[in-house]
Protein backbone atom coordinates (compact mmCIF):
# COMPACT_ATOMS: atom_id res chain seq x y z
CA MET A 1 0.17 0.11 0.01
CA ASP A 2 1.42 3.36 -1.15
CA PRO A 3 -0.62 6.87 -0.89
CA LYS A 4 0.75 7.34 -4.38
CA GLU A 5 -1.65 4.82 -5.76
CA ILE A 6 -4.32 7.05 -4.34
CA ILE A 7 -2.82 10.21 -5.50
CA ASP A 8 -2.35 9.10 -9.23
CA ARG A 9 -5.93 8.34 -9.31
CA LEU A 10 -6.99 11.91 -8.70
CA ARG A 11 -6.76 14.24 -12.04
CA GLN A 12 -6.53 17.40 -10.61
CA ILE A 13 -4.59 17.51 -7.53
CA THR A 14 -1.95 20.58 -6.08
CA THR A 15 1.14 19.76 -4.12
CA GLU A 16 -0.61 20.89 -0.90
CA GLU A 17 -3.46 18.31 -1.57
CA ALA A 18 -1.22 15.35 -2.15
CA ALA A 19 0.73 15.98 0.96
CA LEU A 20 -2.20 16.01 2.89
CA ILE A 21 -3.43 12.58 1.62
CA ARG A 22 0.33 11.66 2.64
CA ARG A 23 -0.17 12.97 5.83
CA ALA A 24 -3.54 11.09 6.48
CA PHE A 25 -2.37 8.10 5.14
CA ALA A 26 0.98 8.16 7.59
CA PHE A 27 -1.48 9.12 10.83
CA ALA A 28 -3.63 6.14 9.55
CA THR A 29 -0.98 3.48 9.58
CA ALA A 30 0.05 4.71 12.87
CA ALA A 31 -3.23 4.72 14.30
CA HIS A 32 -4.18 1.19 12.92
CA LYS A 33 -0.73 -0.27 13.74
CA GLY A 34 -1.05 -3.97 14.97
CA GLN A 35 -4.70 -4.30 14.14
CA LYS A 36 -5.77 -7.14 11.75
CA ARG A 37 -8.90 -7.93 9.79
CA LEU A 38 -10.53 -10.99 10.07
CA SER A 39 -8.98 -12.01 6.74
CA GLY A 40 -5.64 -11.86 8.62
CA GLU A 41 -4.57 -8.48 6.36
CA PRO A 42 -3.24 -5.34 8.03
CA TYR A 43 -6.32 -3.26 9.02
CA LEU A 44 -4.94 -0.58 6.78
CA ILE A 45 -6.19 -2.09 3.61
CA HIS A 46 -9.65 -1.02 4.55
CA PRO A 47 -9.29 2.83 4.84
CA PHE A 48 -6.65 2.43 1.81
CA HIS A 49 -9.40 0.93 -0.28
CA THR A 50 -11.77 3.49 0.99
CA ALA A 51 -9.88 6.41 -0.03
CA LEU A 52 -8.98 4.86 -3.44
CA TYR A 53 -12.35 4.54 -4.45
CA LEU A 54 -13.06 8.06 -3.44
CA ALA A 55 -10.16 9.00 -5.50
CA GLU A 56 -11.25 7.23 -8.58
CA ILE A 57 -14.51 9.10 -8.32
CA GLN A 58 -12.62 12.23 -8.35
CA ALA A 59 -13.52 13.30 -4.69
CA ASP A 60 -11.42 16.55 -3.49
CA SER A 61 -8.57 15.59 -1.43
CA GLN A 62 -10.18 16.59 2.02
CA THR A 63 -12.84 13.81 1.44
CA VAL A 64 -10.03 11.12 0.26
CA ALA A 65 -8.26 12.07 3.57
CA ALA A 66 -11.28 11.54 5.67
CA GLY A 67 -11.63 8.32 3.85
CA LEU A 68 -8.11 7.32 5.07
CA LEU A 69 -9.03 8.37 8.64
CA HIS A 70 -12.62 7.16 8.83
CA ASP A 71 -12.11 4.48 11.18
CA THR A 72 -9.53 6.36 13.48
CA ILE A 73 -12.29 7.27 15.83
CA GLU A 74 -14.16 4.43 16.22
CA ASP A 75 -11.58 1.72 16.11
CA THR A 76 -8.60 3.50 17.50
CA THR A 77 -7.18 5.71 20.76
CA THR A 78 -7.90 8.80 18.44
CA THR A 79 -10.25 11.66 19.24
CA ALA A 80 -12.15 13.98 17.31
CA GLU A 81 -10.12 16.69 18.91
CA GLN A 82 -6.69 15.22 18.14
CA LEU A 83 -8.05 14.89 14.48
CA GLU A 84 -9.32 18.73 14.33
CA ARG A 85 -5.65 19.71 15.71
CA GLU A 86 -3.90 17.79 12.93
CA PHE A 87 -6.26 17.87 9.97
CA GLY A 88 -8.61 21.05 10.48
CA ALA A 89 -12.40 21.07 11.86
CA GLU A 90 -13.66 20.15 8.27
CA ILE A 91 -11.86 16.53 8.31
CA ALA A 92 -12.79 15.92 11.80
CA PHE A 93 -16.59 16.87 10.81
CA LEU A 94 -16.66 14.53 7.86
CA VAL A 95 -14.83 11.59 9.94
CA GLU A 96 -17.26 12.22 12.64
CA GLY A 97 -20.20 12.17 10.22
CA VAL A 98 -19.24 8.87 8.92
CA THR A 99 -18.45 7.40 12.47
CA LYS A 100 -22.07 8.08 13.53
CA LEU A 101 -23.32 4.93 11.59
CA GLY A 102 -20.68 2.70 12.97
CA ARG A 103 -22.41 0.77 15.44
CA LEU A 104 -25.41 0.45 13.56
CA LYS A 105 -26.99 -3.17 13.95
CA TYR A 106 -29.59 -3.35 11.28
CA ARG A 107 -31.01 -6.84 11.47
CA GLY A 108 -30.75 -9.23 14.63
CA GLY A 109 -29.42 -6.71 17.29
CA VAL A 110 -29.96 -3.33 18.55
CA ARG A 111 -31.16 -0.90 16.08
CA HIS A 112 -29.42 2.42 16.70
CA ALA A 113 -31.99 4.35 14.98
CA GLU A 114 -30.30 7.60 16.19
CA SER A 115 -27.34 6.90 14.30
CA LEU A 116 -29.27 7.03 11.42
CA ARG A 117 -31.06 10.54 12.00
CA LYS A 118 -27.63 11.65 13.12
CA LEU A 119 -25.93 10.76 9.61
CA PHE A 120 -28.75 12.37 7.88
CA LEU A 121 -28.38 15.33 9.54
CA ALA A 122 -24.59 15.36 8.69
CA MET A 123 -25.37 14.35 5.17
CA ALA A 124 -27.83 17.31 4.91
CA GLU A 125 -24.98 19.43 6.12
CA ASP A 126 -22.10 17.91 4.03
CA ILE A 127 -23.03 15.66 1.22
CA ARG A 128 -19.37 14.09 1.37
CA VAL A 129 -20.40 12.32 4.64
CA ILE A 130 -22.00 9.66 2.94
CA MET A 131 -20.06 9.64 -0.31
CA ILE A 132 -17.40 8.39 2.29
CA ARG A 133 -19.80 5.97 4.16
CA LEU A 134 -20.67 4.15 0.61
CA ALA A 135 -16.79 3.85 -0.60
CA ASP A 136 -16.60 2.17 3.30
CA ARG A 137 -19.42 0.28 2.73
CA LEU A 138 -18.11 -1.13 -1.17
CA HIS A 139 -14.88 -2.57 0.39
CA ASN A 140 -16.52 -4.21 3.47
CA VAL A 141 -19.35 -6.08 1.35
CA ARG A 142 -16.56 -7.12 -1.15
CA THR A 143 -14.61 -8.69 1.62
CA LEU A 144 -17.72 -10.45 3.24
CA GLN A 145 -16.27 -13.95 3.05
CA HIS A 146 -14.22 -13.66 5.80
CA LEU A 147 -17.04 -13.27 8.19
CA PRO A 148 -20.05 -15.83 9.90
CA PRO A 149 -22.88 -16.42 7.51
CA GLU A 150 -25.36 -14.65 9.89
CA LYS A 151 -23.26 -11.78 9.72
CA GLN A 152 -22.70 -12.04 6.02
CA LYS A 153 -26.47 -11.96 5.49
CA ARG A 154 -27.35 -8.91 7.75
CA ILE A 155 -24.40 -6.92 6.21
CA ALA A 156 -25.55 -7.37 2.64
CA LEU A 157 -29.41 -7.06 3.47
CA GLU A 158 -28.64 -3.80 5.24
CA THR A 159 -26.32 -2.65 1.97
CA LEU A 160 -29.21 -3.85 -0.40
CA GLU A 161 -32.03 -1.86 1.72
CA ILE A 162 -30.30 1.43 2.80
CA TYR A 163 -26.85 1.73 1.21
CA ALA A 164 -27.72 0.79 -2.64
CA PRO A 165 -30.53 2.96 -2.60
CA LEU A 166 -28.79 5.84 -1.01
CA ALA A 167 -26.18 5.30 -3.89
CA ASN A 168 -29.07 5.38 -6.31
CA ARG A 169 -30.63 8.69 -4.83
CA LEU A 170 -27.51 10.27 -5.61
CA GLY A 171 -27.45 9.15 -9.08
CA ILE A 172 -24.13 6.87 -8.70
CA TRP A 173 -25.29 3.95 -10.76
CA ARG A 174 -22.12 2.25 -10.98
CA LEU A 175 -21.49 2.33 -7.18
CA LYS A 176 -25.14 1.29 -6.78
CA GLY A 177 -24.93 -1.65 -9.19
CA MET A 178 -21.37 -3.05 -7.51
CA LEU A 179 -22.65 -2.92 -4.05
CA GLU A 180 -25.98 -4.81 -5.36
CA ASP A 181 -24.18 -7.17 -7.07
CA ALA A 182 -21.68 -7.93 -3.92
CA SER A 183 -24.28 -8.57 -1.53
CA PHE A 184 -26.80 -10.28 -4.15
CA PRO A 185 -25.55 -13.65 -3.49
CA TYR A 186 -25.68 -13.50 0.27
CA VAL A 187 -28.98 -12.45 0.54
CA TYR A 188 -30.58 -14.84 -2.24
CA PRO A 189 -28.21 -17.36 -3.07
CA ASN A 190 -30.26 -19.80 -4.88
CA GLU A 191 -31.89 -16.71 -7.02
CA TYR A 192 -28.44 -15.47 -7.74
CA LYS A 193 -27.38 -18.71 -9.39
CA GLN A 194 -30.41 -18.61 -11.68
CA VAL A 195 -29.81 -15.03 -12.83
CA VAL A 196 -26.14 -15.84 -13.56
CA ALA A 197 -27.11 -18.68 -15.63
CA LEU A 198 -29.90 -16.72 -17.19
CA ARG A 199 -27.60 -13.66 -18.24
CA LYS A 200 -25.11 -15.98 -19.27
CA THR A 201 -27.19 -17.58 -21.68
CA LYS A 202 -28.94 -14.44 -22.92
CA GLY A 203 -26.15 -12.12 -22.73
CA LYS A 204 -23.92 -14.02 -25.36
CA GLU A 205 -26.63 -14.00 -27.69
CA THR A 206 -27.33 -10.34 -27.23
CA ILE A 207 -23.75 -9.30 -27.26
CA LYS A 208 -23.26 -10.87 -30.83
CA ARG A 209 -26.71 -8.91 -32.02
CA LEU A 210 -24.96 -5.90 -30.46
CA GLU A 211 -21.70 -6.56 -32.19
CA LYS A 212 -23.40 -6.79 -35.72
CA ILE A 213 -25.32 -3.12 -34.36
CA TYR A 214 -21.94 -1.63 -33.56
CA ARG A 215 -20.61 -2.47 -37.12
CA ALA A 216 -23.59 -0.49 -38.98
CA LEU A 217 -24.04 2.22 -36.71
CA GLU A 218 -20.44 2.88 -36.80
CA GLN A 219 -20.20 3.15 -40.71
CA ALA A 220 -23.35 5.19 -40.70
CA LEU A 221 -22.05 7.87 -38.23
CA ALA A 222 -18.57 8.18 -40.10
CA THR A 223 -21.15 8.87 -43.21
CA ARG A 224 -22.64 11.46 -41.31
CA GLN A 225 -19.59 13.01 -40.31
CA ILE A 226 -19.84 12.68 -36.49
CA LYS A 227 -16.20 12.35 -35.63
CA ASN A 228 -15.54 12.07 -31.89
CA TYR A 229 -17.50 9.10 -30.69
CA GLN A 230 -17.56 6.05 -28.68
CA ILE A 231 -19.37 3.00 -29.06
CA ASP A 232 -19.80 0.40 -26.51
CA TYR A 233 -21.92 -1.71 -24.71
CA ARG A 234 -22.87 -2.43 -21.06
CA VAL A 235 -24.39 -5.64 -19.69
CA LYS A 236 -27.19 -5.33 -16.99
CA TYR A 237 -26.01 -5.71 -13.25
CA LEU A 238 -27.13 -8.84 -11.77
CA TYR A 239 -29.10 -7.50 -9.11
CA SER A 240 -31.01 -4.88 -11.43
CA LEU A 241 -31.66 -7.90 -13.87
CA TYR A 242 -33.20 -10.11 -10.87
CA VAL A 243 -35.51 -7.06 -9.72
CA LYS A 244 -36.67 -6.61 -13.27
CA LEU A 245 -37.31 -10.20 -13.53
CA LEU A 246 -39.46 -10.40 -10.84
CA ARG A 247 -41.51 -7.96 -12.45
CA LYS A 248 -41.72 -9.81 -15.86
CA GLU A 249 -42.54 -13.12 -14.04
CA MET A 250 -38.93 -14.37 -14.61
CA ASN A 251 -39.43 -14.33 -18.13
CA ILE A 252 -36.04 -12.90 -20.08
CA ASP A 253 -37.65 -12.58 -23.18
CA ASP A 254 -39.34 -9.81 -22.28
CA ILE A 255 -36.27 -7.77 -20.93
CA TYR A 256 -34.95 -5.38 -23.85
CA ASP A 257 -32.16 -4.19 -22.16
CA ILE A 258 -30.18 -7.18 -20.67
CA SER A 259 -27.47 -5.63 -22.80
CA ALA A 260 -27.07 -2.26 -24.04
CA LEU A 261 -25.31 -0.50 -26.93
CA ARG A 262 -24.18 2.88 -25.64
CA VAL A 263 -23.41 5.95 -27.68
CA VAL A 264 -21.12 8.47 -26.19
CA VAL A 265 -20.68 11.78 -28.41
CA GLU A 266 -19.53 15.25 -27.76
CA THR A 267 -22.83 17.68 -27.64
CA THR A 268 -26.47 17.34 -26.73
CA ASP A 269 -27.21 18.08 -30.33
CA GLU A 270 -25.11 15.15 -31.72
CA CYS A 271 -27.37 12.77 -29.42
CA TYR A 272 -30.29 14.00 -31.53
CA GLN A 273 -28.60 13.58 -34.69
CA VAL A 274 -27.78 9.80 -33.43
CA LEU A 275 -31.15 9.08 -32.43
CA GLY A 276 -32.39 10.19 -35.71
CA ILE A 277 -29.56 8.03 -37.57
CA ILE A 278 -30.42 5.14 -35.73
CA HIS A 279 -34.09 5.28 -36.39
CA GLY A 280 -33.36 5.90 -39.59
CA LEU A 281 -31.59 2.44 -39.92
CA TRP A 282 -33.77 0.18 -37.49
CA ARG A 283 -37.39 0.57 -36.66
CA PRO A 284 -38.28 1.79 -32.99
CA ILE A 285 -40.10 -0.16 -30.77
CA PRO A 286 -43.68 2.28 -30.34
CA GLY A 287 -43.54 3.48 -26.56
CA ARG A 288 -39.68 2.59 -25.76
CA LEU A 289 -38.24 6.03 -26.47
CA LYS A 290 -37.36 7.77 -23.07
CA ASP A 291 -35.65 11.22 -23.71
CA TYR A 292 -34.08 11.91 -19.98
CA ILE A 293 -31.98 14.84 -21.42
CA ALA A 294 -34.83 17.38 -22.28
CA ILE A 295 -36.72 15.85 -18.95
CA PRO A 296 -33.85 14.16 -16.39
CA LYS A 297 -34.44 11.97 -13.75
CA PRO A 298 -34.91 13.57 -10.17
CA ASN A 299 -31.33 12.25 -9.16
CA GLY A 300 -30.00 13.96 -12.41
CA TYR A 301 -29.54 11.16 -14.95
CA GLN A 302 -29.48 12.24 -18.40
CA SER A 303 -29.58 10.15 -21.46
CA ILE A 304 -31.96 8.79 -24.52
CA HIS A 305 -33.18 5.35 -24.50
CA THR A 306 -34.76 3.82 -27.57
CA SER A 307 -34.89 0.25 -28.34
CA ILE A 308 -35.27 -1.34 -31.67
CA PHE A 309 -36.34 -4.01 -33.96
CA THR A 310 -33.10 -5.75 -35.03
CA GLY A 311 -34.89 -7.63 -37.87
CA ASP A 312 -34.38 -10.99 -36.55
CA GLY A 313 -37.35 -11.23 -34.39
CA CYS A 314 -35.37 -9.55 -31.47
CA ALA A 315 -34.80 -6.32 -29.82
CA VAL A 316 -32.20 -4.36 -28.01
CA GLU A 317 -31.89 -1.02 -26.39
CA ILE A 318 -29.42 1.67 -27.59
CA GLN A 319 -28.54 4.57 -25.04
CA ILE A 320 -27.15 7.86 -26.31
CA ARG A 321 -25.11 10.62 -23.88
CA THR A 322 -22.51 12.94 -24.18
CA ALA A 323 -19.17 12.41 -22.14
CA ARG A 324 -20.35 14.75 -19.37
CA MET A 325 -23.79 12.82 -19.17
CA GLN A 326 -21.82 9.13 -18.92
CA HIS A 327 -19.43 10.61 -16.16
CA GLU A 328 -22.35 11.71 -14.23
CA ALA A 329 -24.36 8.87 -14.84
CA GLU A 330 -21.48 6.46 -13.29
CA PHE A 331 -20.58 9.06 -10.71
CA GLY A 332 -24.06 11.17 -9.77
CA ILE A 333 -23.24 13.67 -7.41
CA ALA A 334 -19.87 13.22 -7.10
CA SER A 335 -18.86 14.31 -10.31
CA HIS A 336 -19.94 17.96 -9.47
CA PHE A 337 -16.87 18.11 -6.86
CA VAL A 338 -15.37 21.60 -8.08
CA TYR A 339 -12.27 23.30 -7.07
CA ASP A 340 -12.71 27.22 -6.63
CA GLU A 341 -10.97 29.85 -4.33
CA THR A 342 -13.98 30.22 -1.91
CA ALA A 343 -15.17 26.55 -1.36
CA LYS A 344 -12.37 24.58 -2.01
CA GLY A 345 -13.16 20.97 -2.43
CA ARG A 346 -17.04 21.11 -2.05
CA PRO A 347 -19.56 19.99 -4.25
CA ASP A 348 -20.74 22.66 -6.82
CA ARG A 349 -24.12 23.86 -4.83
CA ASN A 350 -26.04 24.79 -7.75
CA GLN A 351 -25.50 21.13 -9.40
CA THR A 352 -25.99 18.89 -6.39
CA THR A 353 -29.24 21.09 -4.92
CA ASN A 354 -31.69 18.65 -6.96
CA ARG A 355 -29.63 15.54 -5.77
CA SER A 356 -29.38 16.30 -2.32
CA ASN A 357 -32.88 18.07 -1.33
CA TRP A 358 -34.46 14.78 -0.54
CA ILE A 359 -31.85 14.17 2.44
CA LYS A 360 -33.44 17.42 4.00
CA GLU A 361 -36.86 15.83 3.38
CA LEU A 362 -35.54 12.80 5.04
CA VAL A 363 -34.50 14.80 7.72
CA ASP A 364 -38.02 16.36 8.21
CA TRP A 365 -39.90 13.41 7.41
CA GLN A 366 -37.88 11.14 10.53
CA LYS A 367 -39.35 13.79 12.95
CA ASN A 368 -42.74 12.09 12.52
CA PHE A 369 -41.76 9.03 14.05
CA LYS A 370 -41.54 8.71 17.66
CA THR A 371 -40.18 5.36 17.98
CA ASP A 372 -36.79 4.37 16.57
CA GLU A 373 -37.96 0.83 15.50
CA LYS A 374 -40.44 2.41 13.31
CA PHE A 375 -38.74 4.84 12.11
CA VAL A 376 -35.87 2.07 10.61
CA GLY A 377 -38.63 0.18 9.34
CA ARG A 378 -40.44 3.01 7.18
CA LEU A 379 -37.16 4.17 6.34
CA THR A 380 -36.25 1.14 4.00
CA ASP A 381 -39.71 1.24 2.84
CA ARG A 382 -39.22 4.93 1.91
CA LEU A 383 -35.59 4.18 0.04
CA THR A 384 -36.63 0.81 -1.71
CA GLN A 385 -40.00 1.69 -2.82
CA GLU A 386 -40.60 2.10 -6.48
CA LYS A 387 -41.16 5.41 -8.01
CA ILE A 388 -43.11 6.94 -10.94
CA PHE A 389 -42.52 10.65 -12.36
CA VAL A 390 -45.17 12.63 -13.18
CA PHE A 391 -45.13 16.14 -14.60
CA THR A 392 -46.63 19.75 -13.82
CA PRO A 393 -48.29 21.58 -16.70
CA LYS A 394 -44.78 23.35 -17.03
CA GLY A 395 -43.02 20.08 -17.34
CA GLU A 396 -41.30 19.84 -13.88
CA VAL A 397 -40.79 16.61 -12.61
CA VAL A 398 -42.26 15.35 -9.31
CA GLU A 399 -41.15 12.04 -7.93
CA LEU A 400 -43.90 9.83 -6.20
CA PRO A 401 -44.32 6.36 -4.78
CA ILE A 402 -46.27 3.88 -7.20
CA ASP A 403 -50.20 4.34 -6.43
CA ALA A 404 -49.64 8.21 -5.45
CA SER A 405 -52.69 10.34 -5.88
CA PRO A 406 -53.33 13.95 -7.35
CA LEU A 407 -53.45 14.65 -3.56
CA ASP A 408 -50.14 13.47 -3.19
CA PHE A 409 -49.04 15.18 -5.90
CA ALA A 410 -50.97 18.45 -4.56
CA TYR A 411 -48.95 18.30 -1.10
CA ALA A 412 -45.63 17.37 -3.04
CA ILE A 413 -45.92 20.76 -4.56
CA HIS A 414 -46.74 22.86 -1.73
CA SER A 415 -48.96 21.94 1.49
CA ASP A 416 -51.33 25.12 0.45
CA ILE A 417 -52.07 23.66 -2.96
CA GLY A 418 -52.71 20.38 -0.82
CA ASP A 419 -54.67 21.66 1.59
CA ARG A 420 -57.05 23.64 -1.15
CA ALA A 421 -57.12 21.04 -3.36
CA ALA A 422 -60.70 20.65 -5.07
CA GLY A 423 -60.00 18.37 -8.23
CA ALA A 424 -57.29 17.44 -10.59
CA LYS A 425 -56.57 17.11 -14.19
CA ILE A 426 -54.60 14.07 -15.42
CA ASN A 427 -53.53 14.28 -19.06
CA GLN A 428 -55.80 17.28 -19.48
CA LYS A 429 -58.82 15.01 -18.55
CA MET A 430 -60.96 15.77 -15.40
CA SER A 431 -60.33 13.16 -12.48
CA SER A 432 -60.60 12.75 -8.65
CA LEU A 433 -58.05 13.24 -6.01
CA GLY A 434 -57.77 9.88 -5.28
CA ALA A 435 -57.00 8.49 -8.75
CA LYS A 436 -53.93 6.13 -9.22
CA LEU A 437 -51.10 8.32 -10.95
CA ARG A 438 -48.92 6.49 -13.44
CA ASP A 439 -45.55 7.34 -15.04
CA ASP A 440 -45.35 10.25 -17.47
CA ASP A 441 -48.88 11.73 -16.26
CA VAL A 442 -49.20 15.53 -16.49
CA VAL A 443 -51.18 16.56 -13.81
CA GLU A 444 -52.79 19.83 -12.84
CA ILE A 445 -54.31 20.73 -9.38
CA ILE A 446 -57.49 22.80 -9.24
CA VAL A 447 -57.58 24.85 -6.28
CA ASN A 448 -60.51 26.03 -4.39
CA LYS A 449 -59.60 28.67 -1.33
CA ASN A 450 -62.86 27.28 0.58
CA ASN A 451 -61.78 23.66 0.17
CA HIS A 452 -59.97 21.87 3.10
CA PRO A 453 -58.46 18.57 3.88
CA THR A 454 -61.00 15.97 5.44
CA ALA A 455 -60.45 12.63 7.20
CA LYS A 456 -61.19 10.60 4.25
CA TRP A 457 -58.17 12.28 2.62
CA LEU A 458 -56.10 10.07 4.58
CA GLU A 459 -57.44 7.23 2.77
CA LEU A 460 -56.50 9.01 -0.67
CA THR A 461 -52.83 9.42 -0.19
CA LYS A 462 -49.94 7.23 -0.05
CA THR A 463 -47.07 9.59 0.75
CA ALA A 464 -45.68 10.27 4.52
CA THR A 465 -45.62 14.28 3.56
CA ALA A 466 -49.44 14.40 2.62
CA LYS A 467 -50.67 12.47 5.45
CA HIS A 468 -48.62 14.57 8.04
CA HIS A 469 -50.18 17.95 6.76
CA ILE A 470 -53.59 16.47 6.69
CA ARG A 471 -53.29 15.29 10.21
CA ASN A 472 -51.84 18.56 11.50
CA PHE A 473 -54.90 20.43 9.35
CA LEU A 474 -57.44 18.17 11.13
CA ALA A 475 -55.71 18.09 14.48
CA LYS A 476 -55.96 21.97 14.48
CA GLN A 477 -59.63 21.76 13.36
CA GLN A 478 -60.31 19.62 16.58
CA GLU A 479 -58.61 22.07 18.82
CA LYS A 480 -60.71 24.97 17.29
CA ILE A 481 -63.71 23.14 18.05
CA LYS A 482 -62.55 22.63 21.67
CA GLU A 483 -61.86 26.15 22.08
CA LYS A 484 -65.13 27.16 20.82
CA ASN A 485 -67.02 24.60 22.79
CA SER A 486 -65.10 25.38 26.08
């Protein structure tokens, strides 16, 4: 292990920043001296790999240093005060933020939900806390073979239900996929073997088909004088494939994107040019075109997805994006870490606002739960629940759980709109406030200043936000009635 390996992965680094990482490495080496992991390896290998991954996603030098130091408070005699003296308040804060979750026992033991609550508070203040925690978890879950079976399953399940969904919400698809695939065999071993076999059989057929499309598309792009492009393919992560198979009754023939061709170009204009070329060469499958460039996903993901008939009775998916979009798709919120005079090493606040707003929502949401056990149980549901994306008449995206209603939509926009909701239009057609919304619906709420929530509205809503505001309104009404009668 050599700090040079970490430093060499960072594309932009000053002499002072490299010195900081070397100092953190030396400090961690001394603090963990003599400690071993269950594998028998020196303990330092764990913070080293945590920092290595953070460097790979181009985190700032303070985050990388905190990755090297993240276990010093929890597992050594080092105190937060010592870290602050040696490395400053910012790095000490990051390490403490990561340590909050260190003793969490998710299943089969004491649930330190307070640690989770504090983690969200730290995340809301500085998103880098969760970046370090995710890198820490990635190395841990990749070395589960050294733990007893009960602990393997507990950690793997915790990863699938909390950490991977957190990576997803931050838009870090690559990390989400790696966390899930490392955990999958420990939680669902039989299903894991089944999906491996299915992907192996079907994947080979699809890749041969993609290679044929690749050659035809490469020739067409050259003819249209699109010069700087890259074409490759990606195979769907195993756990992601498993989740999709469950929705398709395990019929792999109904899944078009087990492998997908990816075209990376320089500009957004070229993305649309390439889409036209593809649809000129192959017939598109109706209803399968998704333009996430014009309307990005709430976690910031941008790309065009289209599925085409290949002419031999089969279909494949093609994804089109710019190099910047590709980098963001892999590294999510971490791709916006910028360096400037005033906020060195901090993520660009304008770029990360949408992706971190939901963390602030979690901080407010968790206040609704008086008992820690109920909070942890509902947190899992909230993180893993499937989502739909609907639109305001102006085209703004609103993320809601499956089976959400126009009332949920109204409260997601603003509590005043929810409280005064009198009706709804879905795709320009009048609808009830309790109707079930679907992906891509355009929803307009009709407001009446004389309208107000009723107890029945609780049955019409799915989100905790809507239910919270309705209950608050009803409680205030009850108080007014009591005051009037007293």
